[in-house]
Amino acid sequence: MLAKASRRMSQKSVFASTGELQRFQVKIVSPRPIDEIVGRLTVRAEVVTERPSGVSAVDFFIDGRLLFSDVEAPYELLWNPGSFAEHLIEVRAYGPGRQMVSDSLRTSFETPASRLGGYSARVERVEMHVRIEGDEQLPASPAMPDFHVYENGFKQPVVSVEPVADLPLAVGLLIDHSESMLDRLETALDAAAAFVDGLLRHPNDKVFVLGFADVPIVFQEFTNDSERLADSISLIDDGDYTALYDSIVAASRKFDGIDGRRAAILLTDGADSGSDHTFREAVVAAQRADVALYPVGVELSPRFVRERWILRELAEQTGGRIFSFGQRTDPKEIYEAIEEDLRSQFRISYAPIIPGGGGEWRELEIRIRGTDGHERQVRTRPGYFAQ
């Protein structure tokens, strides 16, 4: 979905105790009029004032209903639009003397497939990879009736189900070597080398190495040669800023024309500082390439709540999984878990009951029942763009 918006902004000038006129304004900075909205997104507002301490609260309204009130910067609301309907986003900021200013954004949705990046599929047949979570009793041979596929809430006819244990892996190894990772870079590089040795278990498996600091740099193209991969990792040196989102976009493009189960492992602290692309654009790029993201937070402190949220969202919105890595962590445990996660999935194919598709976003839901009749939890990508 491409969000187009019409904006209505109010601002006021208030007198400070000195008698000088001061500007007081609030602006919605995300989503932008050109942003694509896929699943959950962050509505972000900025307040322009000469007295930041004078801002008492910023309220977030969706379609006239107050959803959240934020009392400190950054002023943000995590929101799931849920449907393709038009929505009115409004923020109100309260300043000195309960002065109120507002900004609003009315979103409408268009879907030119050439503009949107997201996993796209021809509507005659849609494929997805599904992971059944947990250690519960599962069907020994999951036949078609066990899987139930829903697209935008409507049940779809399943055409085929097959395990992907023998499907080749195509993996991007993304290594953060920015300044914020300086004291953890050696740990990250050691983990990366161990991952390479652990992931190349089949002749057709292949890995590429991309390092990112100020900009993403490909140190090694796709290869099955573990020595070449190890050599490329040894060339990575410390850098400055953290172009995390740019690296995901660049890595996603590397999978064009590549067969196999696609995944990208991110060794990072989760802090982006300097990307040209946004978080949303990074997610959509991975969705377009059908790449599952596996963020590995390297020695990430529990107090880094925002960074953990970013890494968790990257995983959840692409069908991947988040991990944590510390000095006492055995990298073997992580890469074995990632490999097991990728090789223990099922590939489901279905024929959408709604024909056509002009690039619109379609939400997916998969349900499965075990032999005991209970519904199981599954993990997959949240949707696709129908062309």
Protein backbone atom coordinates (compact mmCIF):
# COMPACT_ATOMS: atom_id res chain seq x y z
CA MET A 1 0.00 0.00 0.00
CA LEU A 2 1.30 3.41 -0.86
CA ALA A 3 0.04 6.01 1.56
CA LYS A 4 -0.86 9.33 -0.01
CA ALA A 5 -1.78 12.04 2.40
CA SER A 6 -3.30 15.44 2.69
CA ARG A 7 -2.03 17.39 5.69
CA ARG A 8 -3.67 19.95 7.95
CA MET A 9 -1.32 21.58 10.40
CA SER A 10 -1.86 24.17 13.08
CA GLN A 11 0.80 26.09 14.95
CA LYS A 12 0.81 28.81 17.54
CA SER A 13 3.12 31.48 18.80
CA VAL A 14 3.15 31.80 22.58
CA PHE A 15 4.66 34.45 24.81
CA ALA A 16 7.46 33.36 27.12
CA SER A 17 7.89 34.94 30.55
CA THR A 18 10.34 37.35 28.95
CA GLY A 19 7.60 38.64 26.67
CA GLU A 20 9.26 37.24 23.55
CA LEU A 21 7.19 35.42 20.95
CA GLN A 22 8.08 31.73 20.67
CA ARG A 23 7.09 29.20 18.01
CA PHE A 24 5.18 26.08 19.00
CA GLN A 25 4.44 23.48 16.32
CA VAL A 26 3.89 19.73 15.94
CA LYS A 27 4.43 17.74 12.75
CA ILE A 28 3.84 14.11 11.75
CA VAL A 29 7.17 12.93 10.34
CA SER A 30 6.23 9.26 9.89
CA PRO A 31 4.51 7.90 7.91
CA ARG A 32 5.46 10.28 5.14
CA PRO A 33 3.15 10.88 2.16
CA ILE A 34 5.39 8.59 0.05
CA ASP A 35 5.72 5.79 2.62
CA GLU A 36 4.27 2.35 1.99
CA ILE A 37 2.24 0.96 4.88
CA VAL A 38 2.61 -2.76 5.45
CA GLY A 39 1.34 -4.28 8.69
CA ARG A 40 2.39 -2.46 11.84
CA LEU A 41 4.03 0.92 11.57
CA THR A 42 5.29 3.69 13.80
CA VAL A 43 3.46 7.01 13.78
CA ARG A 44 6.09 9.55 14.83
CA ALA A 45 5.65 13.23 15.66
CA GLU A 46 8.14 16.02 16.24
CA VAL A 47 7.48 19.11 18.31
CA VAL A 48 9.20 22.37 17.38
CA THR A 49 9.56 24.60 20.42
CA GLU A 50 12.18 26.70 22.12
CA ARG A 51 11.23 25.12 25.43
CA PRO A 52 11.17 21.31 25.07
CA SER A 53 10.53 20.98 28.79
CA GLY A 54 7.30 22.90 28.28
CA VAL A 55 5.70 20.11 26.22
CA SER A 56 3.33 18.35 28.61
CA ALA A 57 2.02 15.64 26.25
CA VAL A 58 1.48 14.56 22.66
CA ASP A 59 -1.77 12.70 21.95
CA PHE A 60 -2.21 10.31 19.01
CA PHE A 61 -5.68 9.97 17.46
CA ILE A 62 -6.74 7.50 14.75
CA ASP A 63 -10.09 8.28 13.12
CA GLY A 64 -10.95 10.57 16.01
CA ARG A 65 -10.18 8.03 18.74
CA LEU A 66 -7.37 8.64 21.24
CA LEU A 67 -5.03 5.64 21.14
CA PHE A 68 -1.97 6.86 23.03
CA SER A 69 -0.58 9.82 24.94
CA ASP A 70 3.20 10.23 25.01
CA VAL A 71 4.85 12.48 27.57
CA GLU A 72 8.46 12.43 26.41
CA ALA A 73 10.39 12.49 23.14
CA PRO A 74 10.58 10.66 20.85
CA TYR A 75 6.81 10.92 20.49
CA GLU A 76 5.66 7.68 18.86
CA LEU A 77 2.71 5.33 18.45
CA LEU A 78 3.00 1.74 17.20
CA TRP A 79 -0.13 1.13 15.11
CA ASN A 80 -1.53 -1.58 12.87
CA PRO A 81 -3.95 -0.12 10.26
CA GLY A 82 -5.48 -3.58 9.86
CA SER A 83 -7.41 -2.84 6.70
CA PHE A 84 -7.16 -1.01 3.40
CA ALA A 85 -9.67 1.62 4.53
CA GLU A 86 -8.88 5.33 4.60
CA HIS A 87 -7.68 6.54 7.99
CA LEU A 88 -7.25 9.93 9.63
CA ILE A 89 -4.10 10.24 11.74
CA GLU A 90 -4.02 13.24 14.07
CA VAL A 91 -1.51 14.34 16.71
CA ARG A 92 -2.06 17.07 19.25
CA ALA A 93 0.74 18.62 21.29
CA TYR A 94 0.13 20.54 24.50
CA GLY A 95 2.53 23.26 25.55
CA PRO A 96 2.83 26.08 28.07
CA GLY A 97 -0.49 27.20 29.44
CA ARG A 98 -2.18 24.16 27.85
CA GLN A 99 -1.68 25.68 24.41
CA MET A 100 -2.59 23.04 21.81
CA VAL A 101 -1.29 22.58 18.27
CA SER A 102 -2.10 19.74 15.89
CA ASP A 103 -1.16 18.03 12.66
CA SER A 104 -3.23 15.52 10.73
CA LEU A 105 -2.69 13.14 7.86
CA ARG A 106 -5.45 11.45 5.87
CA THR A 107 -4.15 8.31 4.22
CA SER A 108 -5.46 6.74 1.04
CA PHE A 109 -3.98 3.70 -0.57
CA GLU A 110 -2.66 3.08 -4.04
CA THR A 111 -0.53 0.13 -5.07
CA PRO A 112 1.68 0.57 -8.14
CA ALA A 113 3.69 -2.65 -8.07
CA SER A 114 6.71 -0.99 -9.64
CA ARG A 115 6.93 1.41 -6.67
CA LEU A 116 6.22 -0.97 -3.86
CA GLY A 117 8.87 -3.30 -2.61
CA GLY A 118 7.39 -6.35 -0.91
CA TYR A 119 7.21 -9.98 -1.73
CA SER A 120 5.09 -10.09 -4.88
CA ALA A 121 3.41 -13.08 -6.40
CA ARG A 122 1.36 -13.82 -9.46
CA VAL A 123 -2.18 -14.34 -8.26
CA GLU A 124 -2.57 -17.70 -10.05
CA ARG A 125 -0.40 -19.38 -7.40
CA VAL A 126 1.12 -18.16 -4.13
CA GLU A 127 3.91 -19.94 -2.24
CA MET A 128 5.08 -19.41 1.32
CA HIS A 129 7.32 -21.09 3.84
CA VAL A 130 5.74 -22.03 7.16
CA ARG A 131 7.40 -23.04 10.40
CA ILE A 132 5.36 -24.96 13.00
CA GLU A 133 6.43 -23.69 16.41
CA GLY A 134 7.03 -25.66 19.59
CA ASP A 135 7.61 -29.29 20.39
CA GLU A 136 3.96 -30.31 20.39
CA GLN A 137 2.77 -33.48 18.70
CA LEU A 138 2.54 -32.75 14.98
CA PRO A 139 1.09 -34.61 12.02
CA ALA A 140 3.64 -37.14 10.82
CA SER A 141 2.75 -36.32 7.23
CA PRO A 142 0.88 -33.03 7.04
CA ALA A 143 -1.61 -33.47 4.22
CA MET A 144 -3.46 -30.61 2.63
CA PRO A 145 -6.50 -30.70 4.95
CA ASP A 146 -4.26 -30.05 7.98
CA PHE A 147 -3.20 -26.64 6.70
CA HIS A 148 -5.69 -23.80 6.40
CA VAL A 149 -4.67 -20.66 4.51
CA TYR A 150 -6.49 -17.33 4.89
CA GLU A 151 -5.89 -14.32 2.65
CA ASN A 152 -7.38 -11.05 3.90
CA GLY A 153 -9.56 -13.17 6.18
CA PHE A 154 -10.92 -15.49 3.44
CA LYS A 155 -10.06 -19.17 3.34
CA GLN A 156 -8.06 -20.27 0.28
CA PRO A 157 -7.76 -23.65 -1.48
CA VAL A 158 -4.43 -25.30 -0.67
CA VAL A 159 -2.80 -26.87 -3.73
CA SER A 160 0.31 -28.50 -2.28
CA VAL A 161 2.33 -28.94 0.90
CA GLU A 162 5.90 -30.18 0.98
CA PRO A 163 8.79 -30.19 3.48
CA VAL A 164 11.87 -28.15 2.54
CA ALA A 165 14.51 -30.08 4.47
CA ASP A 166 16.53 -30.71 1.29
CA LEU A 167 16.02 -27.29 -0.25
CA PRO A 168 19.35 -25.43 -0.71
CA LEU A 169 19.99 -22.50 1.64
CA ALA A 170 20.89 -19.08 0.27
CA VAL A 171 22.09 -16.98 3.20
CA GLY A 172 23.38 -13.45 3.51
CA LEU A 173 25.72 -12.82 6.45
CA LEU A 174 25.40 -9.12 7.41
CA ILE A 175 28.05 -7.91 9.86
CA ASP A 176 27.82 -4.61 11.71
CA HIS A 177 31.32 -3.13 12.05
CA SER A 178 30.28 0.39 13.03
CA GLU A 179 31.70 2.47 15.87
CA SER A 180 28.95 1.34 18.24
CA MET A 181 30.17 -2.23 17.73
CA LEU A 182 33.85 -1.39 18.30
CA ASP A 183 34.25 -3.24 21.60
CA ARG A 184 32.20 -6.18 20.28
CA LEU A 185 33.56 -6.44 16.75
CA GLU A 186 35.96 -9.28 17.51
CA THR A 187 33.12 -11.25 19.09
CA ALA A 188 30.92 -10.62 16.05
CA LEU A 189 33.63 -11.64 13.56
CA ASP A 190 34.37 -14.85 15.48
CA ALA A 191 30.66 -15.65 15.45
CA ALA A 192 30.45 -14.91 11.72
CA ALA A 193 33.31 -17.31 10.96
CA ALA A 194 31.62 -20.00 13.03
CA PHE A 195 28.32 -19.41 11.25
CA VAL A 196 29.97 -19.96 7.86
CA ASP A 197 31.38 -23.31 8.94
CA GLY A 198 28.04 -24.38 10.37
CA LEU A 199 25.73 -23.29 7.56
CA LEU A 200 27.51 -24.87 4.58
CA ARG A 201 26.34 -28.43 5.12
CA HIS A 202 25.02 -29.23 1.65
CA PRO A 203 26.73 -28.88 -1.74
CA ASN A 204 24.17 -26.38 -3.05
CA ASP A 205 24.14 -24.15 0.04
CA LYS A 206 25.69 -20.73 -0.52
CA VAL A 207 26.51 -17.66 1.54
CA PHE A 208 27.51 -14.08 0.81
CA VAL A 209 29.17 -11.64 3.25
CA LEU A 210 28.15 -8.01 3.58
CA GLY A 211 29.66 -5.62 6.10
CA PHE A 212 28.04 -2.34 7.04
CA ALA A 213 29.13 0.78 8.86
CA ASP A 214 28.72 4.08 6.97
CA VAL A 215 27.63 2.12 3.87
CA PRO A 216 26.98 -1.55 3.06
CA ILE A 217 29.91 -3.28 1.33
CA VAL A 218 29.85 -6.78 -0.18
CA PHE A 219 33.05 -8.51 0.94
CA GLN A 220 32.19 -11.81 -0.73
CA GLU A 221 29.58 -12.74 -3.31
CA PHE A 222 27.52 -15.94 -3.02
CA THR A 223 29.82 -18.95 -2.72
CA ASN A 224 30.05 -22.40 -1.18
CA ASP A 225 33.77 -21.99 -0.50
CA SER A 226 34.20 -21.66 3.28
CA GLU A 227 37.83 -20.50 2.96
CA ARG A 228 36.91 -17.60 0.69
CA LEU A 229 34.13 -16.65 3.09
CA ALA A 230 36.46 -16.81 6.09
CA ASP A 231 39.06 -14.69 4.27
CA SER A 232 36.46 -12.05 3.44
CA ILE A 233 35.34 -11.87 7.07
CA SER A 234 38.95 -11.29 8.17
CA LEU A 235 39.08 -8.17 5.96
CA ILE A 236 36.31 -6.40 7.90
CA ASP A 237 37.58 -3.49 9.99
CA ASP A 238 35.88 -1.00 12.28
CA GLY A 239 33.90 1.90 10.81
CA ASP A 240 31.76 4.86 11.92
CA TYR A 241 27.99 5.10 11.49
CA THR A 242 25.53 2.19 11.35
CA ALA A 243 23.65 1.90 8.05
CA LEU A 244 21.57 -1.04 9.25
CA TYR A 245 18.49 -0.36 7.12
CA ASP A 246 20.58 0.37 4.02
CA SER A 247 22.36 -2.96 4.49
CA ILE A 248 19.07 -4.87 4.56
CA VAL A 249 17.92 -3.18 1.36
CA ALA A 250 21.26 -3.88 -0.36
CA ALA A 251 21.33 -7.48 0.85
CA SER A 252 17.76 -8.11 -0.33
CA ARG A 253 18.76 -7.16 -3.86
CA LYS A 254 21.49 -9.82 -3.82
CA PHE A 255 18.85 -12.57 -3.83
CA ASP A 256 17.45 -11.63 -7.22
CA GLY A 257 17.44 -14.81 -9.33
CA ILE A 258 18.81 -16.96 -6.49
CA ASP A 259 17.10 -20.30 -5.84
CA GLY A 260 16.68 -21.89 -2.43
CA ARG A 261 15.39 -20.92 0.99
CA ARG A 262 16.44 -17.32 1.46
CA ALA A 263 17.60 -15.84 4.74
CA ALA A 264 19.83 -13.08 6.08
CA ILE A 265 21.65 -13.25 9.41
CA LEU A 266 22.30 -9.82 10.97
CA LEU A 267 25.10 -9.58 13.53
CA THR A 268 24.42 -6.15 15.02
CA ASP A 269 23.55 -4.10 18.09
CA GLY A 270 20.35 -2.94 16.39
CA ALA A 271 21.15 0.79 16.42
CA ASP A 272 20.76 2.48 13.03
CA SER A 273 22.56 5.80 12.59
CA GLY A 274 22.95 7.08 9.09
CA SER A 275 20.82 5.01 6.71
CA ASP A 276 19.19 6.66 3.72
CA HIS A 277 16.38 4.11 3.96
CA THR A 278 13.83 3.84 6.76
CA PHE A 279 12.94 0.89 8.95
CA ARG A 280 9.78 0.38 6.89
CA GLU A 281 11.68 0.43 3.62
CA ALA A 282 14.11 -2.18 4.96
CA VAL A 283 11.25 -4.48 5.99
CA VAL A 284 9.51 -4.11 2.64
CA ALA A 285 12.73 -4.79 0.71
CA ALA A 286 13.20 -8.06 2.59
CA GLN A 287 9.55 -8.98 2.02
CA ARG A 288 9.88 -8.28 -1.67
CA ALA A 289 12.86 -10.62 -1.92
CA ASP A 290 11.12 -13.23 0.28
CA VAL A 291 14.08 -13.11 2.66
CA ALA A 292 13.61 -14.16 6.29
CA LEU A 293 15.68 -11.97 8.62
CA TYR A 294 17.49 -13.54 11.58
CA PRO A 295 18.87 -10.70 13.73
CA VAL A 296 21.53 -11.72 16.24
CA GLY A 297 21.90 -9.04 18.92
CA VAL A 298 25.60 -9.01 19.81
CA GLU A 299 26.09 -8.41 23.55
CA LEU A 300 22.92 -6.36 23.58
CA SER A 301 22.15 -4.98 27.02
CA PRO A 302 18.59 -5.47 28.38
CA ARG A 303 18.36 -1.69 28.79
CA PHE A 304 18.48 -1.24 24.99
CA VAL A 305 14.72 -1.65 24.71
CA ARG A 306 14.31 0.18 21.40
CA GLU A 307 17.12 -1.74 19.70
CA ARG A 308 15.61 -5.04 20.82
CA TRP A 309 12.21 -3.95 19.52
CA ILE A 310 13.73 -3.09 16.12
CA LEU A 311 15.44 -6.46 15.79
CA ARG A 312 12.32 -8.32 16.94
CA GLU A 313 10.15 -6.50 14.40
CA LEU A 314 12.61 -7.19 11.58
CA ALA A 315 12.32 -10.89 12.37
CA GLU A 316 8.57 -11.06 12.91
CA GLN A 317 7.63 -9.10 9.81
CA THR A 318 9.76 -11.30 7.53
CA GLY A 319 9.11 -14.73 9.05
CA GLY A 320 12.49 -14.94 10.79
CA ARG A 321 13.57 -15.21 14.39
CA ILE A 322 15.65 -13.11 16.82
CA PHE A 323 18.67 -14.35 18.78
CA SER A 324 21.07 -12.91 21.34
CA PHE A 325 24.82 -13.49 21.36
CA GLY A 326 27.26 -12.80 24.18
CA GLN A 327 30.78 -13.72 25.23
CA ARG A 328 29.53 -16.88 26.90
CA THR A 329 27.30 -17.87 23.99
CA ASP A 330 28.36 -20.77 21.82
CA PRO A 331 27.83 -19.61 18.20
CA LYS A 332 27.26 -23.24 17.29
CA GLU A 333 24.00 -23.18 19.23
CA ILE A 334 22.74 -20.21 17.25
CA TYR A 335 23.67 -21.33 13.74
CA GLU A 336 22.36 -24.81 14.45
CA ALA A 337 19.07 -23.26 15.62
CA ILE A 338 18.89 -21.08 12.49
CA GLU A 339 19.67 -24.00 10.20
CA GLU A 340 17.14 -26.20 11.97
CA ASP A 341 14.59 -23.39 11.71
CA LEU A 342 15.14 -23.05 7.95
CA ARG A 343 15.24 -26.77 7.17
CA SER A 344 12.21 -27.75 9.26
CA GLN A 345 9.71 -25.63 7.37
CA PHE A 346 6.99 -26.51 4.90
CA ARG A 347 6.37 -24.91 1.54
CA ILE A 348 2.67 -24.30 0.99
CA SER A 349 1.15 -23.40 -2.35
CA TYR A 350 -2.39 -22.14 -2.82
CA ALA A 351 -4.56 -20.61 -5.54
CA PRO A 352 -6.17 -17.30 -4.43
CA ILE A 353 -9.93 -17.24 -4.83
CA ILE A 354 -9.87 -13.52 -5.70
CA PRO A 355 -8.46 -13.09 -9.21
CA GLY A 356 -6.48 -10.14 -10.42
CA GLY A 357 -4.09 -8.00 -8.46
CA GLY A 358 -2.78 -4.51 -9.08
CA GLY A 359 0.03 -4.74 -6.55
CA GLU A 360 -2.18 -4.53 -3.46
CA TRP A 361 -1.02 -5.91 -0.13
CA ARG A 362 -2.73 -9.14 0.96
CA GLU A 363 -2.46 -10.36 4.54
CA LEU A 364 -1.79 -14.04 5.19
CA GLU A 365 -2.75 -16.30 8.06
CA ILE A 366 -1.92 -20.01 8.35
CA ARG A 367 -3.63 -22.42 10.72
CA ILE A 368 -2.85 -26.07 11.33
CA ARG A 369 -4.26 -28.72 13.64
CA GLY A 370 -2.23 -31.54 15.14
CA THR A 371 -3.27 -35.15 15.41
CA ASP A 372 -4.79 -34.36 18.82
CA GLY A 373 -7.13 -31.81 17.19
CA HIS A 374 -5.54 -28.75 18.78
CA GLU A 375 -4.48 -25.76 16.72
CA ARG A 376 -0.72 -25.16 16.49
CA GLN A 377 1.19 -21.91 16.40
CA VAL A 378 2.91 -21.23 13.09
CA ARG A 379 5.35 -18.61 11.82
CA THR A 380 5.46 -17.23 8.29
CA ARG A 381 5.65 -13.89 6.50
CA PRO A 382 2.64 -11.65 7.17
CA GLY A 383 1.58 -11.16 3.55
CA TYR A 384 2.56 -10.39 -0.02
CA PHE A 385 1.95 -7.95 -2.86
CA ALA A 386 -0.32 -9.42 -5.55
CA GLN A 387 0.62 -8.51 -9.11
